[in-house]
N, C-alpha and C. Protein backbone atom coordinates (compact mmCIF):
# COMPACT_ATOMS: atom_id res chain seq x y z
N MET A 1 91.68 47.71 76.37
CA MET A 1 91.18 49.07 76.19
C MET A 1 90.77 49.33 74.75
N ASN A 2 91.30 48.53 73.80
CA ASN A 2 90.92 48.71 72.40
C ASN A 2 89.48 48.30 72.13
N ASP A 3 88.87 47.59 73.09
CA ASP A 3 87.51 47.14 72.92
C ASP A 3 86.49 48.13 73.46
N LEU A 4 86.93 49.36 73.77
CA LEU A 4 86.04 50.41 74.24
C LEU A 4 85.85 51.45 73.13
N PRO A 5 84.72 52.13 73.11
CA PRO A 5 84.52 53.18 72.11
C PRO A 5 85.38 54.39 72.43
N PRO A 6 85.72 55.21 71.44
CA PRO A 6 86.42 56.47 71.75
C PRO A 6 85.51 57.38 72.57
N VAL A 7 86.09 58.09 73.51
CA VAL A 7 85.34 59.04 74.34
C VAL A 7 85.74 60.44 73.95
N ALA A 8 84.75 61.27 73.63
CA ALA A 8 85.01 62.62 73.15
C ALA A 8 85.04 63.65 74.27
N GLY A 9 84.68 63.24 75.48
CA GLY A 9 84.71 64.17 76.60
C GLY A 9 83.77 63.74 77.70
N THR A 10 83.88 64.41 78.86
CA THR A 10 82.98 64.18 79.98
C THR A 10 82.54 65.52 80.55
N LEU A 11 81.42 65.52 81.25
CA LEU A 11 80.90 66.74 81.86
C LEU A 11 80.00 66.37 83.03
N ALA A 12 80.26 66.94 84.20
CA ALA A 12 79.35 66.79 85.33
C ALA A 12 78.20 67.77 85.17
N SER A 13 76.98 67.30 85.43
CA SER A 13 75.80 68.13 85.16
C SER A 13 74.72 67.90 86.20
N GLY A 14 74.05 68.98 86.55
CA GLY A 14 72.92 68.88 87.46
C GLY A 14 71.58 69.05 86.78
N ILE A 15 71.57 69.11 85.46
CA ILE A 15 70.31 69.39 84.74
C ILE A 15 69.92 68.32 83.73
N ASP A 16 70.72 67.27 83.59
CA ASP A 16 70.45 66.31 82.52
C ASP A 16 69.48 65.21 82.89
N HIS A 17 69.32 64.95 84.17
CA HIS A 17 68.32 63.96 84.60
C HIS A 17 67.69 64.47 85.89
N PRO A 18 66.37 64.56 85.93
CA PRO A 18 65.69 65.14 87.10
C PRO A 18 66.09 64.46 88.41
N GLY A 19 66.57 65.26 89.35
CA GLY A 19 66.86 64.77 90.68
C GLY A 19 68.24 64.16 90.88
N TYR A 20 69.07 64.15 89.82
CA TYR A 20 70.37 63.51 89.93
C TYR A 20 71.48 64.42 89.43
N MET A 21 72.67 64.24 90.03
CA MET A 21 73.89 64.82 89.49
C MET A 21 74.51 63.76 88.59
N THR A 22 74.75 64.10 87.33
CA THR A 22 75.21 63.11 86.37
C THR A 22 76.63 63.39 85.91
N LEU A 23 77.30 62.32 85.51
CA LEU A 23 78.54 62.42 84.76
C LEU A 23 78.21 62.03 83.34
N ASN A 24 78.23 62.99 82.43
CA ASN A 24 77.93 62.73 81.03
C ASN A 24 79.19 62.29 80.30
N ILE A 25 79.11 61.16 79.62
CA ILE A 25 80.22 60.65 78.82
C ILE A 25 79.81 60.74 77.37
N TYR A 26 80.56 61.51 76.58
CA TYR A 26 80.18 61.79 75.19
C TYR A 26 80.91 60.85 74.24
N LEU A 27 80.14 60.11 73.44
CA LEU A 27 80.70 59.24 72.41
C LEU A 27 80.46 59.88 71.04
N PRO A 28 81.42 59.78 70.13
CA PRO A 28 81.30 60.45 68.84
C PRO A 28 80.48 59.67 67.82
N TYR A 29 80.13 60.38 66.75
CA TYR A 29 79.47 59.88 65.53
C TYR A 29 77.95 59.74 65.74
N CYS A 30 77.24 59.95 64.65
CA CYS A 30 75.79 59.84 64.66
C CYS A 30 75.30 59.49 63.27
N ASN A 31 74.21 58.74 63.22
CA ASN A 31 73.61 58.37 61.93
C ASN A 31 72.56 59.40 61.48
N TYR A 32 72.26 60.38 62.33
CA TYR A 32 71.40 61.49 61.96
C TYR A 32 72.26 62.74 61.76
N ARG A 33 71.71 63.71 61.07
CA ARG A 33 72.37 65.00 60.88
C ARG A 33 71.38 66.12 61.23
N CYS A 34 70.96 66.11 62.47
CA CYS A 34 69.84 66.96 62.88
C CYS A 34 70.15 68.45 62.74
N ARG A 35 69.15 69.17 62.29
CA ARG A 35 69.23 70.62 62.27
C ARG A 35 69.42 71.12 63.72
N GLU A 36 70.27 72.13 63.86
CA GLU A 36 70.50 72.78 65.16
C GLU A 36 71.04 71.81 66.21
N CYS A 37 71.85 70.85 65.80
CA CYS A 37 72.46 69.91 66.74
C CYS A 37 73.52 70.62 67.57
N HIS A 38 73.40 70.56 68.88
CA HIS A 38 74.36 71.24 69.75
C HIS A 38 75.66 70.46 69.91
N ASN A 39 75.65 69.20 69.54
CA ASN A 39 76.87 68.39 69.60
C ASN A 39 77.32 68.03 68.19
N TRP A 40 77.15 68.96 67.25
CA TRP A 40 77.37 68.63 65.85
C TRP A 40 78.81 68.23 65.56
N GLU A 41 79.78 68.83 66.29
CA GLU A 41 81.18 68.46 66.02
C GLU A 41 81.44 67.01 66.41
N ILE A 42 80.96 66.62 67.59
CA ILE A 42 81.09 65.23 68.02
C ILE A 42 80.33 64.31 67.06
N ALA A 43 79.14 64.74 66.66
CA ALA A 43 78.30 63.91 65.78
C ALA A 43 78.98 63.63 64.44
N GLN A 44 79.68 64.61 63.92
CA GLN A 44 80.33 64.40 62.62
C GLN A 44 81.75 63.84 62.76
N GLY A 45 82.21 63.64 64.01
CA GLY A 45 83.49 62.98 64.22
C GLY A 45 84.66 63.90 64.43
N THR A 46 84.40 65.17 64.79
CA THR A 46 85.47 66.11 65.12
C THR A 46 85.59 66.19 66.63
N PHE A 47 86.66 65.60 67.18
CA PHE A 47 86.81 65.57 68.62
C PHE A 47 88.25 65.19 68.97
N GLN A 48 88.62 65.50 70.20
CA GLN A 48 89.91 65.06 70.74
C GLN A 48 89.63 63.95 71.75
N GLU A 49 90.14 62.78 71.47
CA GLU A 49 89.79 61.61 72.29
C GLU A 49 90.34 61.75 73.71
N LEU A 50 89.47 61.45 74.67
CA LEU A 50 89.86 61.45 76.07
C LEU A 50 90.51 60.11 76.40
N PRO A 51 91.69 60.10 76.99
CA PRO A 51 92.32 58.83 77.35
C PRO A 51 91.44 58.02 78.30
N VAL A 52 91.39 56.73 78.09
CA VAL A 52 90.57 55.86 78.94
C VAL A 52 90.99 55.99 80.40
N GLU A 53 92.29 56.16 80.63
CA GLU A 53 92.78 56.29 82.00
C GLU A 53 92.16 57.50 82.69
N ARG A 54 91.95 58.58 81.94
CA ARG A 54 91.33 59.78 82.50
C ARG A 54 89.87 59.52 82.86
N LEU A 55 89.17 58.78 81.99
CA LEU A 55 87.78 58.43 82.28
C LEU A 55 87.69 57.57 83.54
N ILE A 56 88.55 56.59 83.65
CA ILE A 56 88.55 55.71 84.82
C ILE A 56 88.84 56.51 86.08
N TRP A 57 89.81 57.43 86.00
CA TRP A 57 90.10 58.29 87.15
C TRP A 57 88.87 59.08 87.57
N GLU A 58 88.16 59.63 86.59
CA GLU A 58 86.96 60.42 86.87
C GLU A 58 85.90 59.56 87.57
N LEU A 59 85.71 58.36 87.07
CA LEU A 59 84.72 57.46 87.67
C LEU A 59 85.09 57.12 89.11
N GLU A 60 86.36 56.87 89.34
CA GLU A 60 86.80 56.41 90.66
C GLU A 60 86.92 57.53 91.68
N ASN A 61 86.94 58.78 91.23
CA ASN A 61 87.21 59.88 92.14
C ASN A 61 86.11 60.92 92.23
N ASN A 62 85.10 60.84 91.38
CA ASN A 62 84.01 61.81 91.41
C ASN A 62 82.87 61.25 92.26
N PHE A 63 82.76 61.75 93.49
CA PHE A 63 81.76 61.20 94.41
C PHE A 63 80.56 62.13 94.61
N ILE A 64 80.44 63.15 93.75
CA ILE A 64 79.24 63.99 93.83
C ILE A 64 78.17 63.50 92.85
N ILE A 65 78.50 62.53 92.01
CA ILE A 65 77.56 62.09 90.97
C ILE A 65 76.72 60.92 91.48
N ASP A 66 75.47 60.87 90.97
CA ASP A 66 74.54 59.78 91.28
C ASP A 66 74.31 58.87 90.08
N MET A 67 74.62 59.38 88.89
CA MET A 67 74.27 58.68 87.66
C MET A 67 75.30 58.96 86.59
N VAL A 68 75.56 57.96 85.76
CA VAL A 68 76.37 58.14 84.56
C VAL A 68 75.42 58.16 83.36
N VAL A 69 75.59 59.16 82.50
CA VAL A 69 74.81 59.27 81.27
C VAL A 69 75.76 59.11 80.09
N VAL A 70 75.57 58.06 79.31
CA VAL A 70 76.36 57.87 78.10
C VAL A 70 75.57 58.49 76.96
N THR A 71 76.15 59.51 76.35
CA THR A 71 75.44 60.29 75.36
C THR A 71 76.31 60.47 74.12
N GLY A 72 75.92 61.36 73.22
CA GLY A 72 76.67 61.46 71.98
C GLY A 72 76.48 62.78 71.29
N GLY A 73 76.48 62.65 69.92
CA GLY A 73 76.47 61.46 69.09
C GLY A 73 75.33 60.48 69.38
N GLU A 74 75.48 59.32 68.76
CA GLU A 74 74.53 58.23 68.94
C GLU A 74 75.29 57.03 69.49
N PRO A 75 75.21 56.81 70.82
CA PRO A 75 76.00 55.76 71.45
C PRO A 75 75.79 54.36 70.87
N THR A 76 74.57 54.04 70.45
CA THR A 76 74.30 52.67 70.00
C THR A 76 75.03 52.30 68.71
N LEU A 77 75.61 53.28 68.03
CA LEU A 77 76.44 52.97 66.86
C LEU A 77 77.65 52.12 67.25
N HIS A 78 78.05 52.18 68.51
CA HIS A 78 79.27 51.51 68.95
C HIS A 78 79.06 50.06 69.36
N ARG A 79 77.82 49.62 69.37
CA ARG A 79 77.46 48.21 69.53
C ARG A 79 78.19 47.55 70.70
N GLN A 80 79.00 46.51 70.44
CA GLN A 80 79.63 45.75 71.51
C GLN A 80 80.58 46.62 72.33
N LYS A 81 81.22 47.58 71.71
CA LYS A 81 82.12 48.46 72.46
C LYS A 81 81.35 49.29 73.49
N LEU A 82 80.12 49.67 73.17
CA LEU A 82 79.28 50.37 74.13
C LEU A 82 78.94 49.45 75.30
N ILE A 83 78.60 48.22 75.01
CA ILE A 83 78.32 47.25 76.08
C ILE A 83 79.54 47.10 76.98
N ASN A 84 80.71 47.03 76.37
CA ASN A 84 81.95 46.91 77.15
C ASN A 84 82.15 48.12 78.06
N LEU A 85 81.83 49.30 77.54
CA LEU A 85 81.96 50.52 78.34
C LEU A 85 80.99 50.49 79.52
N VAL A 86 79.76 50.12 79.26
CA VAL A 86 78.76 50.04 80.33
C VAL A 86 79.22 49.05 81.40
N GLU A 87 79.75 47.92 80.99
CA GLU A 87 80.21 46.92 81.95
C GLU A 87 81.41 47.42 82.74
N LEU A 88 82.30 48.19 82.09
CA LEU A 88 83.43 48.78 82.80
C LEU A 88 82.96 49.77 83.86
N ILE A 89 81.99 50.60 83.51
CA ILE A 89 81.46 51.58 84.45
C ILE A 89 80.82 50.87 85.64
N ARG A 90 80.07 49.82 85.37
CA ARG A 90 79.46 49.03 86.45
C ARG A 90 80.53 48.44 87.37
N GLN A 91 81.61 48.01 86.78
CA GLN A 91 82.70 47.42 87.57
C GLN A 91 83.36 48.47 88.46
N LYS A 92 83.60 49.66 87.90
CA LYS A 92 84.29 50.71 88.64
C LYS A 92 83.40 51.39 89.67
N ARG A 93 82.11 51.60 89.33
CA ARG A 93 81.18 52.31 90.21
C ARG A 93 79.82 51.62 90.25
N PRO A 94 79.76 50.48 90.94
CA PRO A 94 78.48 49.76 91.00
C PRO A 94 77.39 50.52 91.75
N ASP A 95 77.77 51.60 92.46
CA ASP A 95 76.80 52.39 93.22
C ASP A 95 76.01 53.35 92.34
N LEU A 96 76.45 53.57 91.10
CA LEU A 96 75.82 54.60 90.25
C LEU A 96 74.71 54.03 89.39
N LEU A 97 73.66 54.84 89.21
CA LEU A 97 72.67 54.55 88.17
C LEU A 97 73.31 54.83 86.81
N MET A 98 72.72 54.25 85.76
CA MET A 98 73.26 54.46 84.42
C MET A 98 72.14 54.63 83.40
N ARG A 99 72.32 55.64 82.53
CA ARG A 99 71.37 55.92 81.45
C ARG A 99 72.14 56.05 80.16
N VAL A 100 71.54 55.60 79.06
CA VAL A 100 72.13 55.78 77.73
C VAL A 100 71.17 56.62 76.90
N ASP A 101 71.70 57.65 76.26
CA ASP A 101 70.90 58.52 75.39
C ASP A 101 70.90 57.96 73.97
N THR A 102 69.79 58.13 73.26
CA THR A 102 69.68 57.57 71.92
C THR A 102 68.61 58.29 71.11
N ASN A 103 68.75 58.21 69.78
CA ASN A 103 67.69 58.73 68.91
C ASN A 103 66.65 57.65 68.60
N GLY A 104 66.86 56.45 69.10
CA GLY A 104 65.86 55.39 68.96
C GLY A 104 65.83 54.71 67.61
N SER A 105 66.84 54.96 66.77
CA SER A 105 66.81 54.41 65.42
C SER A 105 67.28 52.97 65.34
N MET A 106 67.93 52.49 66.42
CA MET A 106 68.48 51.13 66.40
C MET A 106 68.02 50.35 67.63
N PRO A 107 66.79 49.85 67.60
CA PRO A 107 66.25 49.17 68.78
C PRO A 107 67.06 47.96 69.21
N GLU A 108 67.75 47.32 68.27
CA GLU A 108 68.56 46.16 68.66
C GLU A 108 69.65 46.57 69.66
N GLY A 109 70.15 47.80 69.52
CA GLY A 109 71.14 48.30 70.47
C GLY A 109 70.55 48.49 71.85
N LEU A 110 69.33 49.00 71.92
CA LEU A 110 68.66 49.17 73.21
C LEU A 110 68.37 47.82 73.85
N ARG A 111 67.96 46.88 73.02
CA ARG A 111 67.63 45.56 73.55
C ARG A 111 68.87 44.91 74.19
N SER A 112 70.03 45.07 73.56
CA SER A 112 71.25 44.46 74.08
C SER A 112 71.71 45.11 75.37
N LEU A 113 71.21 46.32 75.67
CA LEU A 113 71.61 47.06 76.87
C LEU A 113 70.56 47.04 77.97
N SER A 114 69.37 46.59 77.66
CA SER A 114 68.22 46.79 78.56
C SER A 114 68.36 46.10 79.91
N ASP A 115 69.21 45.07 79.99
CA ASP A 115 69.43 44.41 81.28
C ASP A 115 70.70 44.90 81.96
N LYS A 116 71.32 45.94 81.39
CA LYS A 116 72.59 46.43 81.92
C LYS A 116 72.52 47.88 82.40
N VAL A 117 71.46 48.60 82.04
CA VAL A 117 71.33 50.01 82.41
C VAL A 117 70.01 50.23 83.14
N ASP A 118 69.87 51.42 83.72
CA ASP A 118 68.67 51.74 84.49
C ASP A 118 67.64 52.51 83.68
N GLY A 119 68.03 52.97 82.49
CA GLY A 119 67.09 53.71 81.67
C GLY A 119 67.74 54.25 80.41
N PHE A 120 66.90 54.78 79.55
CA PHE A 120 67.33 55.44 78.33
C PHE A 120 66.70 56.83 78.29
N ALA A 121 67.32 57.73 77.55
CA ALA A 121 66.67 58.98 77.16
C ALA A 121 66.53 58.95 75.65
N ILE A 122 65.31 58.96 75.17
CA ILE A 122 65.06 58.90 73.73
C ILE A 122 64.59 60.27 73.26
N ASP A 123 65.29 60.81 72.28
CA ASP A 123 64.90 62.09 71.70
C ASP A 123 63.91 61.85 70.57
N ILE A 124 62.75 62.45 70.70
CA ILE A 124 61.70 62.35 69.69
C ILE A 124 61.62 63.70 68.99
N LYS A 125 62.00 63.71 67.72
CA LYS A 125 62.29 64.97 67.02
C LYS A 125 61.07 65.66 66.42
N ALA A 126 60.03 64.88 66.16
CA ALA A 126 58.84 65.37 65.46
C ALA A 126 57.75 64.31 65.64
N PRO A 127 56.52 64.57 65.21
CA PRO A 127 55.50 63.51 65.28
C PRO A 127 55.99 62.27 64.53
N PRO A 128 56.13 61.13 65.21
CA PRO A 128 56.78 59.97 64.59
C PRO A 128 56.06 59.38 63.38
N PHE A 129 54.76 59.63 63.25
CA PHE A 129 54.04 59.05 62.13
C PHE A 129 53.87 60.05 60.98
N GLU A 130 54.65 61.14 61.04
CA GLU A 130 54.69 62.10 59.95
C GLU A 130 56.13 62.14 59.43
N ARG A 131 56.39 61.23 58.51
CA ARG A 131 57.76 60.97 58.07
C ARG A 131 58.44 62.21 57.49
N GLU A 132 57.71 62.96 56.71
CA GLU A 132 58.30 64.13 56.07
C GLU A 132 58.80 65.13 57.11
N LYS A 133 58.01 65.36 58.14
CA LYS A 133 58.42 66.29 59.21
C LYS A 133 59.64 65.75 59.95
N TYR A 134 59.64 64.45 60.22
CA TYR A 134 60.76 63.86 60.95
C TYR A 134 62.04 63.95 60.14
N GLU A 135 61.94 63.63 58.86
CA GLU A 135 63.13 63.65 58.01
C GLU A 135 63.62 65.07 57.75
N TYR A 136 62.74 66.06 57.87
CA TYR A 136 63.18 67.45 57.78
C TYR A 136 64.16 67.77 58.90
N VAL A 137 63.90 67.21 60.09
CA VAL A 137 64.78 67.47 61.24
C VAL A 137 66.06 66.66 61.15
N VAL A 138 65.94 65.35 60.90
CA VAL A 138 67.11 64.46 61.00
C VAL A 138 67.93 64.41 59.72
N ARG A 139 67.35 64.87 58.63
CA ARG A 139 68.03 64.98 57.33
C ARG A 139 68.63 63.65 56.85
N THR A 140 67.87 62.60 57.09
CA THR A 140 68.18 61.28 56.55
C THR A 140 66.90 60.46 56.63
N ARG A 141 66.95 59.22 56.17
CA ARG A 141 65.75 58.39 56.20
C ARG A 141 65.36 58.05 57.63
N PHE A 142 64.06 58.02 57.87
CA PHE A 142 63.53 57.76 59.21
C PHE A 142 62.57 56.58 59.15
N ASN A 143 62.71 55.68 60.14
CA ASN A 143 61.85 54.51 60.24
C ASN A 143 61.06 54.58 61.53
N ALA A 144 59.77 54.85 61.43
CA ALA A 144 58.93 55.01 62.62
C ALA A 144 58.82 53.70 63.40
N ASP A 145 58.82 52.57 62.71
CA ASP A 145 58.70 51.28 63.41
C ASP A 145 59.88 51.06 64.35
N SER A 146 61.08 51.47 63.93
CA SER A 146 62.25 51.32 64.79
C SER A 146 62.12 52.18 66.04
N LEU A 147 61.62 53.41 65.87
CA LEU A 147 61.43 54.28 67.03
C LEU A 147 60.39 53.71 67.98
N VAL A 148 59.29 53.22 67.44
CA VAL A 148 58.25 52.62 68.28
C VAL A 148 58.83 51.47 69.10
N GLU A 149 59.59 50.61 68.46
CA GLU A 149 60.19 49.48 69.16
C GLU A 149 61.15 49.95 70.25
N SER A 150 61.95 50.96 69.94
CA SER A 150 62.88 51.49 70.93
C SER A 150 62.15 52.07 72.13
N VAL A 151 61.09 52.82 71.87
CA VAL A 151 60.31 53.42 72.96
C VAL A 151 59.70 52.34 73.84
N LYS A 152 59.23 51.28 73.24
CA LYS A 152 58.65 50.19 74.02
C LYS A 152 59.71 49.51 74.89
N ILE A 153 60.89 49.26 74.32
CA ILE A 153 61.97 48.65 75.10
C ILE A 153 62.35 49.54 76.27
N ALA A 154 62.53 50.84 75.98
CA ALA A 154 62.95 51.79 77.01
C ALA A 154 61.91 51.95 78.11
N SER A 155 60.65 51.81 77.77
CA SER A 155 59.58 52.06 78.73
C SER A 155 59.58 51.08 79.90
N ALA A 156 60.26 49.96 79.76
CA ALA A 156 60.29 48.96 80.83
C ALA A 156 61.28 49.30 81.94
N LEU A 157 62.12 50.32 81.73
CA LEU A 157 63.18 50.64 82.69
C LEU A 157 62.81 51.84 83.54
N PRO A 158 63.20 51.84 84.81
CA PRO A 158 62.70 52.86 85.75
C PRO A 158 63.17 54.28 85.50
N GLU A 159 64.37 54.46 84.95
CA GLU A 159 64.92 55.81 84.80
C GLU A 159 64.80 56.35 83.36
N THR A 160 63.94 55.76 82.56
CA THR A 160 63.75 56.22 81.18
C THR A 160 63.00 57.54 81.14
N ILE A 161 63.46 58.41 80.24
CA ILE A 161 62.74 59.65 79.95
C ILE A 161 62.69 59.83 78.43
N TYR A 162 61.73 60.64 77.98
CA TYR A 162 61.63 61.00 76.56
C TYR A 162 61.73 62.52 76.46
N ARG A 163 62.37 62.98 75.37
CA ARG A 163 62.64 64.42 75.25
C ARG A 163 62.31 64.90 73.84
N THR A 164 61.85 66.14 73.77
CA THR A 164 61.61 66.80 72.49
C THR A 164 62.07 68.24 72.60
N VAL A 165 62.83 68.69 71.62
CA VAL A 165 63.19 70.11 71.53
C VAL A 165 62.03 70.85 70.85
N LYS A 166 61.65 71.99 71.41
CA LYS A 166 60.55 72.78 70.83
C LYS A 166 61.11 73.61 69.67
N TYR A 167 61.45 72.90 68.58
CA TYR A 167 61.94 73.60 67.39
C TYR A 167 60.91 74.61 66.91
N PRO A 168 61.36 75.72 66.34
CA PRO A 168 60.41 76.74 65.88
C PRO A 168 59.47 76.25 64.79
N TRP A 169 59.87 75.19 64.08
CA TRP A 169 59.01 74.68 63.01
C TRP A 169 58.00 73.65 63.51
N LEU A 170 58.05 73.29 64.80
CA LEU A 170 57.04 72.40 65.37
C LEU A 170 55.89 73.23 65.95
N SER A 171 54.68 72.89 65.57
CA SER A 171 53.51 73.58 66.09
C SER A 171 53.08 72.96 67.42
N GLU A 172 52.17 73.62 68.10
CA GLU A 172 51.63 73.04 69.34
C GLU A 172 50.91 71.72 69.03
N GLU A 173 50.30 71.65 67.87
CA GLU A 173 49.66 70.39 67.46
C GLU A 173 50.68 69.28 67.31
N ASP A 174 51.84 69.61 66.75
CA ASP A 174 52.91 68.62 66.62
C ASP A 174 53.36 68.12 68.00
N ILE A 175 53.55 69.04 68.93
CA ILE A 175 53.97 68.67 70.29
C ILE A 175 52.93 67.78 70.94
N GLU A 176 51.68 68.11 70.73
CA GLU A 176 50.60 67.29 71.31
C GLU A 176 50.59 65.89 70.71
N LYS A 177 50.88 65.77 69.43
CA LYS A 177 50.96 64.44 68.80
C LYS A 177 52.11 63.63 69.39
N ILE A 178 53.23 64.29 69.68
CA ILE A 178 54.36 63.60 70.30
C ILE A 178 53.99 63.15 71.71
N ARG A 179 53.32 64.02 72.46
CA ARG A 179 52.88 63.65 73.82
C ARG A 179 51.96 62.43 73.78
N GLU A 180 51.07 62.42 72.83
CA GLU A 180 50.13 61.31 72.70
C GLU A 180 50.88 60.02 72.34
N PHE A 181 51.87 60.14 71.46
CA PHE A 181 52.71 59.00 71.08
C PHE A 181 53.40 58.42 72.32
N VAL A 182 53.99 59.29 73.15
CA VAL A 182 54.67 58.84 74.36
C VAL A 182 53.68 58.20 75.32
N LYS A 183 52.49 58.78 75.43
CA LYS A 183 51.48 58.23 76.32
C LYS A 183 51.09 56.81 75.91
N ILE A 184 50.98 56.58 74.62
CA ILE A 184 50.55 55.27 74.12
C ILE A 184 51.66 54.23 74.24
N TYR A 185 52.88 54.60 73.83
CA TYR A 185 53.96 53.61 73.74
C TYR A 185 54.97 53.68 74.89
N GLY A 186 54.96 54.76 75.65
CA GLY A 186 55.99 54.97 76.66
C GLY A 186 55.63 54.58 78.07
N LYS A 187 54.45 54.02 78.29
CA LYS A 187 54.03 53.49 79.60
C LYS A 187 54.15 54.50 80.72
N GLY A 188 53.81 55.76 80.40
CA GLY A 188 53.75 56.76 81.46
C GLY A 188 55.07 57.35 81.90
N LYS A 189 56.16 56.98 81.22
CA LYS A 189 57.45 57.57 81.58
C LYS A 189 57.45 59.06 81.21
N PRO A 190 58.24 59.88 81.92
CA PRO A 190 58.19 61.34 81.70
C PRO A 190 58.61 61.75 80.29
N HIS A 191 57.92 62.79 79.80
CA HIS A 191 58.28 63.40 78.52
C HIS A 191 58.54 64.88 78.77
N PHE A 192 59.73 65.34 78.39
CA PHE A 192 60.13 66.73 78.61
C PHE A 192 60.23 67.46 77.27
N VAL A 193 59.66 68.63 77.22
CA VAL A 193 59.79 69.51 76.05
C VAL A 193 60.82 70.57 76.42
N ASN A 194 61.97 70.51 75.78
CA ASN A 194 63.07 71.41 76.10
C ASN A 194 63.05 72.64 75.19
N PRO A 195 63.45 73.79 75.71
CA PRO A 195 63.45 75.01 74.89
C PRO A 195 64.47 74.92 73.75
N PHE A 196 64.13 75.57 72.65
CA PHE A 196 65.01 75.63 71.49
C PHE A 196 66.04 76.74 71.70
N VAL A 197 67.31 76.40 71.45
CA VAL A 197 68.38 77.39 71.49
C VAL A 197 69.13 77.29 70.17
N GLN A 198 69.14 78.36 69.41
CA GLN A 198 69.77 78.36 68.10
C GLN A 198 71.28 78.33 68.22
N ILE A 199 71.92 77.60 67.31
CA ILE A 199 73.37 77.57 67.28
C ILE A 199 73.85 78.26 66.01
N ASN A 200 75.14 78.57 66.00
CA ASN A 200 75.74 79.23 64.83
C ASN A 200 76.73 78.28 64.21
N SER A 201 76.30 77.51 63.21
CA SER A 201 77.17 76.52 62.59
C SER A 201 76.68 76.19 61.20
N SER A 202 77.61 75.95 60.29
CA SER A 202 77.24 75.53 58.94
C SER A 202 76.62 74.16 58.94
N PHE A 203 76.81 73.40 60.04
CA PHE A 203 76.25 72.06 60.14
C PHE A 203 74.73 72.07 60.14
N ILE A 204 74.14 73.21 60.51
CA ILE A 204 72.68 73.27 60.59
C ILE A 204 72.04 73.49 59.23
N LEU A 205 72.81 73.80 58.20
CA LEU A 205 72.22 74.14 56.91
C LEU A 205 71.76 72.91 56.16
């Protein structure tokens, strides 16, 4: 059990992947510090760890779900421990689809998972070839080449989706540039523009 990542919580959801009831598994920590992050406490490492036994019980007894979504935080930070978690889930519930959420900053992590999951959800925060705009959102250094590689890897899987929050500082032109980026590199996989909801936290400053 020590070879698994810490789990910050779980949540059953009917809105996280089109057409499926999901069990979301939240992993802590993130290499980005995005403005208006709704999971900012988990991202910065403030969480109460869920016992692995509780997670296993949930997997073995929740029969309304169709898919497991491993989210965060940034799951790919956990490297081999994330792979171990994915393999454990496959062992316990081979009937379920599986998706991993990511900011796309570490394509090597996606590559190591691409034969073990059914898809990824990649969050695209701003026009990827406008570094200043992207770094305004993520508040750290951004590498567009890494995102491009991640999008290409993810595009080969059937349940991959791409997402963008309609931040108030993104113009319609910015959204259109993101759509065009997904069209070119994402092989026609769905791109969703989600509404912006402001949070009240010092983490957003």
